[in-house]
Amino acid sequence: MMPEGARIDHRIILDLIPQGTKVLDLGCGDGSLLAKLVQQKGVTGRGIEISEEGVRSCIAKGLTVLQGDIDEGLRDYPDRSFDYIILNQTIQAAKKPDVVISEMLRVGRKSVVGLPNFAYWRMRLYLMFNGRMPKTEFLPYDWYDTPNIHFCSILDFEEYCRERSITVEKRIFLSTDRGGRVLQGVRPNLFAESAVFLLSKKGR
């Protein structure tokens, strides 16, 4: 059970990853999620992070992390060398998201993608009424210092998966309202602040 105040997307991803599996976390940042997976799910965890600060933070947590650019692919890893590949709140900052996702589905038996929803209703209204780029908990940056370069909605990502015959095994829609909750009901592209997808691909 996750403690109160823990990030809702981390709670969901921990629920998706089985005990004792082999996991690679791409763009793992300061290692917060990877550390939880190692400590609470007993996974054999590895990470890749581009920033020196993030790598140092991961090492301080006792994690095995390589400094690298995921846009260059995962050529050092053979097919299906991990049970799960995670890309959480990073896809929008990738220069080549198509390459990254393709490599995830090659190297991992399953992939978990967590992404912010740029069609979230509050973002739509903020832009409409204020005429300025909105910020949320998952997208806290100003326009001039944001690492985000690819903006997509839940519908965009669903269409991307259909076009490439990627199987969406699970989809969980999230809001940070009331301390974080899973959304039930209709129109997640409007009402979900973020989403977590569990993906696989036949023949991989």
Protein backbone atom coordinates (compact mmCIF):
# COMPACT_ATOMS: atom_id res chain seq x y z
CA MET A 1 0.00 0.00 0.00
CA MET A 2 1.41 3.39 -0.99
CA PRO A 3 1.56 6.13 1.65
CA GLU A 4 -0.83 9.06 1.56
CA GLY A 5 0.46 11.90 -0.59
CA ALA A 6 2.33 9.63 -2.99
CA ARG A 7 1.98 10.47 -6.66
CA ILE A 8 -1.10 8.89 -8.19
CA ASP A 9 0.74 7.87 -11.38
CA HIS A 10 3.42 6.11 -9.33
CA ARG A 11 0.72 4.22 -7.41
CA ILE A 12 -0.87 3.05 -10.64
CA ILE A 13 2.43 1.94 -12.20
CA LEU A 14 3.35 -0.01 -9.07
CA ASP A 15 0.04 -1.83 -9.37
CA LEU A 16 0.79 -2.70 -13.02
CA ILE A 17 4.27 -4.14 -12.45
CA PRO A 18 4.31 -7.71 -11.05
CA GLN A 19 6.53 -8.69 -8.15
CA GLY A 20 10.10 -9.69 -8.97
CA THR A 21 10.12 -8.75 -12.65
CA LYS A 22 12.95 -7.17 -14.64
CA VAL A 23 12.28 -3.47 -15.31
CA LEU A 24 13.95 -0.70 -17.33
CA ASP A 25 12.84 2.86 -16.53
CA LEU A 26 13.52 5.33 -19.36
CA GLY A 27 14.01 8.98 -18.45
CA CYS A 28 13.93 7.92 -14.81
CA GLY A 29 14.70 11.41 -13.45
CA ASP A 30 15.72 11.36 -9.81
CA GLY A 31 14.84 7.67 -9.51
CA SER A 32 11.77 8.12 -7.29
CA LEU A 33 9.60 5.66 -9.20
CA LEU A 34 12.40 3.16 -9.80
CA ALA A 35 13.32 3.17 -6.10
CA LYS A 36 9.70 2.39 -5.17
CA LEU A 37 9.63 -0.49 -7.63
CA VAL A 38 12.83 -1.95 -6.23
CA GLN A 39 11.82 -1.52 -2.60
CA GLN A 40 8.14 -2.41 -2.79
CA LYS A 41 7.90 -4.84 -5.70
CA GLY A 42 11.35 -6.45 -5.52
CA VAL A 43 12.06 -5.82 -9.18
CA THR A 44 15.47 -6.03 -10.80
CA GLY A 45 15.51 -2.39 -11.83
CA ARG A 46 17.65 -0.43 -14.25
CA GLY A 47 17.30 3.15 -15.44
CA ILE A 48 18.42 5.49 -18.20
CA GLU A 49 18.57 9.23 -17.55
CA ILE A 50 20.10 12.02 -19.62
CA SER A 51 20.75 14.59 -16.89
CA GLU A 52 23.82 14.40 -14.68
CA GLU A 53 21.79 15.66 -11.73
CA GLY A 54 19.24 12.89 -12.18
CA VAL A 55 21.94 10.22 -12.47
CA ARG A 56 23.63 11.45 -9.30
CA SER A 57 20.32 11.38 -7.44
CA CYS A 58 19.66 7.81 -8.62
CA ILE A 59 23.11 6.64 -7.58
CA ALA A 60 22.59 8.23 -4.15
CA LYS A 61 19.47 6.05 -3.84
CA GLY A 62 21.54 2.95 -4.63
CA LEU A 63 20.01 2.49 -8.09
CA THR A 64 21.70 1.17 -11.23
CA VAL A 65 21.30 3.93 -13.80
CA LEU A 66 23.15 4.76 -17.01
CA GLN A 67 23.45 8.26 -18.41
CA GLY A 68 22.12 8.20 -21.94
CA ASP A 69 19.76 9.68 -24.52
CA ILE A 70 16.73 7.48 -25.14
CA ASP A 71 16.14 9.24 -28.48
CA GLU A 72 19.18 7.34 -29.74
CA GLY A 73 17.39 4.06 -29.17
CA LEU A 74 18.22 1.06 -27.03
CA ARG A 75 20.67 -0.63 -29.35
CA ASP A 76 22.72 -2.05 -26.48
CA TYR A 77 19.76 -4.12 -25.31
CA PRO A 78 18.66 -7.33 -27.08
CA ASP A 79 15.04 -8.15 -27.89
CA ARG A 80 12.86 -8.90 -24.86
CA SER A 81 15.68 -8.45 -22.40
CA PHE A 82 13.28 -6.87 -19.88
CA ASP A 83 9.80 -7.82 -18.72
CA TYR A 84 8.62 -4.20 -18.52
CA ILE A 85 9.88 -0.93 -19.96
CA ILE A 86 8.57 2.25 -18.34
CA LEU A 87 8.33 5.71 -19.90
CA ASN A 88 6.53 7.94 -17.42
CA GLN A 89 5.87 11.65 -18.04
CA THR A 90 8.74 11.70 -20.54
CA ILE A 91 7.25 11.03 -23.97
CA GLN A 92 6.39 14.70 -24.52
CA ALA A 93 10.07 15.63 -24.04
CA ALA A 94 11.43 13.00 -26.44
CA LYS A 95 12.70 14.28 -29.78
CA LYS A 96 11.83 10.98 -31.49
CA PRO A 97 8.90 9.48 -29.56
CA ASP A 98 8.15 7.02 -32.37
CA VAL A 99 11.68 5.59 -32.12
CA VAL A 100 11.48 5.44 -28.33
CA ILE A 101 8.16 3.57 -28.29
CA SER A 102 9.26 1.16 -31.03
CA GLU A 103 12.41 0.34 -29.07
CA MET A 104 10.43 -0.11 -25.87
CA LEU A 105 8.20 -2.69 -27.53
CA ARG A 106 11.26 -4.48 -28.94
CA VAL A 107 13.28 -4.63 -25.72
CA GLY A 108 10.40 -5.21 -23.30
CA ARG A 109 7.70 -7.86 -23.23
CA LYS A 110 5.32 -5.11 -22.13
CA SER A 111 5.62 -1.34 -21.92
CA VAL A 112 4.09 1.23 -19.58
CA VAL A 113 3.63 4.77 -20.90
CA GLY A 114 2.42 7.56 -18.63
CA LEU A 115 1.66 10.85 -20.35
CA PRO A 116 0.09 14.23 -19.64
CA ASN A 117 -3.12 15.00 -21.52
CA PHE A 118 -2.78 18.28 -23.38
CA ALA A 119 -6.55 18.25 -24.05
CA TYR A 120 -7.42 18.37 -20.33
CA TRP A 121 -10.37 20.72 -19.80
CA ARG A 122 -8.58 23.06 -17.42
CA MET A 123 -5.77 23.56 -19.92
CA ARG A 124 -8.31 24.32 -22.65
CA LEU A 125 -10.09 26.89 -20.50
CA TYR A 126 -6.90 28.48 -19.20
CA LEU A 127 -5.62 29.02 -22.73
CA MET A 128 -9.00 30.26 -23.92
CA PHE A 129 -9.60 32.80 -21.16
CA ASN A 130 -6.06 33.85 -20.29
CA GLY A 131 -4.36 33.56 -23.67
CA ARG A 132 -1.26 32.12 -22.00
CA MET A 133 0.28 28.66 -21.91
CA PRO A 134 -1.26 26.73 -18.99
CA LYS A 135 0.57 24.84 -16.27
CA THR A 136 -0.53 21.81 -14.25
CA GLU A 137 1.02 19.47 -11.69
CA PHE A 138 2.21 17.22 -14.50
CA LEU A 139 3.23 20.18 -16.70
CA PRO A 140 4.68 22.75 -14.29
CA TYR A 141 6.96 24.61 -16.72
CA ASP A 142 6.86 28.07 -18.23
CA TRP A 143 6.84 28.23 -22.02
CA TYR A 144 10.46 29.42 -22.18
CA ASP A 145 12.04 26.67 -20.06
CA THR A 146 9.85 23.67 -20.84
CA PRO A 147 11.49 20.44 -22.02
CA ASN A 148 8.23 19.46 -23.73
CA ILE A 149 8.38 19.50 -27.51
CA HIS A 150 5.64 17.04 -28.58
CA PHE A 151 2.13 17.82 -27.36
CA CYS A 152 -0.44 15.04 -27.58
CA SER A 153 -3.81 14.19 -26.10
CA ILE A 154 -5.21 10.85 -24.99
CA LEU A 155 -7.05 10.57 -28.30
CA ASP A 156 -3.83 11.27 -30.21
CA PHE A 157 -2.01 8.50 -28.38
CA GLU A 158 -4.88 6.02 -28.82
CA GLU A 159 -4.88 6.72 -32.57
CA TYR A 160 -1.09 6.33 -32.70
CA CYS A 161 -1.39 2.86 -31.14
CA ARG A 162 -4.14 1.80 -33.55
CA GLU A 163 -2.18 2.92 -36.60
CA ARG A 164 0.87 0.90 -35.51
CA SER A 165 -1.05 -2.20 -34.35
CA ILE A 166 0.06 -1.68 -30.76
CA THR A 167 -2.20 -3.46 -28.27
CA VAL A 168 -3.43 -1.34 -25.39
CA GLU A 169 -3.90 -3.93 -22.64
CA LYS A 170 -4.92 -1.40 -20.01
CA ARG A 171 -5.64 2.31 -19.90
CA ILE A 172 -6.01 4.22 -16.65
CA PHE A 173 -7.12 7.86 -16.60
CA LEU A 174 -6.01 10.09 -13.74
CA SER A 175 -6.75 13.38 -12.05
CA THR A 176 -4.85 15.14 -9.29
CA ASP A 177 -8.12 16.46 -7.82
CA ARG A 178 -8.79 15.36 -4.23
CA GLY A 179 -5.18 14.32 -3.79
CA GLY A 180 -5.17 12.10 -6.87
CA ARG A 181 -7.74 9.66 -8.16
CA VAL A 182 -8.55 7.27 -10.98
CA LEU A 183 -11.31 8.63 -13.21
CA GLN A 184 -14.31 6.51 -14.06
CA GLY A 185 -16.82 7.44 -16.72
CA VAL A 186 -16.95 9.10 -20.10
CA ARG A 187 -14.80 11.50 -22.10
CA PRO A 188 -11.36 10.93 -20.55
CA ASN A 189 -9.77 13.10 -23.26
CA LEU A 190 -11.58 16.04 -21.69
CA PHE A 191 -11.57 15.18 -17.99
CA ALA A 192 -8.31 13.25 -17.41
CA GLU A 193 -5.22 15.24 -16.51
CA SER A 194 -2.97 12.32 -17.41
CA ALA A 195 -3.13 8.66 -18.42
CA VAL A 196 -1.15 5.47 -18.00
CA PHE A 197 -1.16 2.85 -20.77
CA LEU A 198 0.01 -0.76 -20.63
CA LEU A 199 1.16 -1.74 -24.12
CA SER A 200 2.30 -4.82 -26.00
CA LYS A 201 2.78 -5.82 -29.61
CA LYS A 202 2.18 -9.17 -31.27
CA GLY A 203 5.18 -10.80 -32.82
CA ARG A 204 7.58 -8.99 -30.48
